């Protein structure tokens, strides 16, 4: 069946963008396959705007994705460094 990515996930390919929680993803396929749950195909961390291919032999690490594997859209740049720098400054932890 087209758009069927497993026994329990059916994807509507006509969707241009689809929500996952409060996040709008580039296409229905990625929205159906992202989560912060390690069992998913793609990990998504909204806090850092990061899409990762999980590395199964280590905790929650993964390989940063730059493009959607389903529709080819360029994914947002990670803001991990900015977020962590801002948190360090708020705690008074700076390199200065």
Foldseek 3Di string as FASTA:
>chain_A
DPQDPDDPFRFDQVAQWDDQVNDIDRTRSVSSFEDCDPVGQWYADPLFQFIFRADVVDDGDGHTDQADPPPGHGGDDTCVVVSVQVVCVVVVNDPD
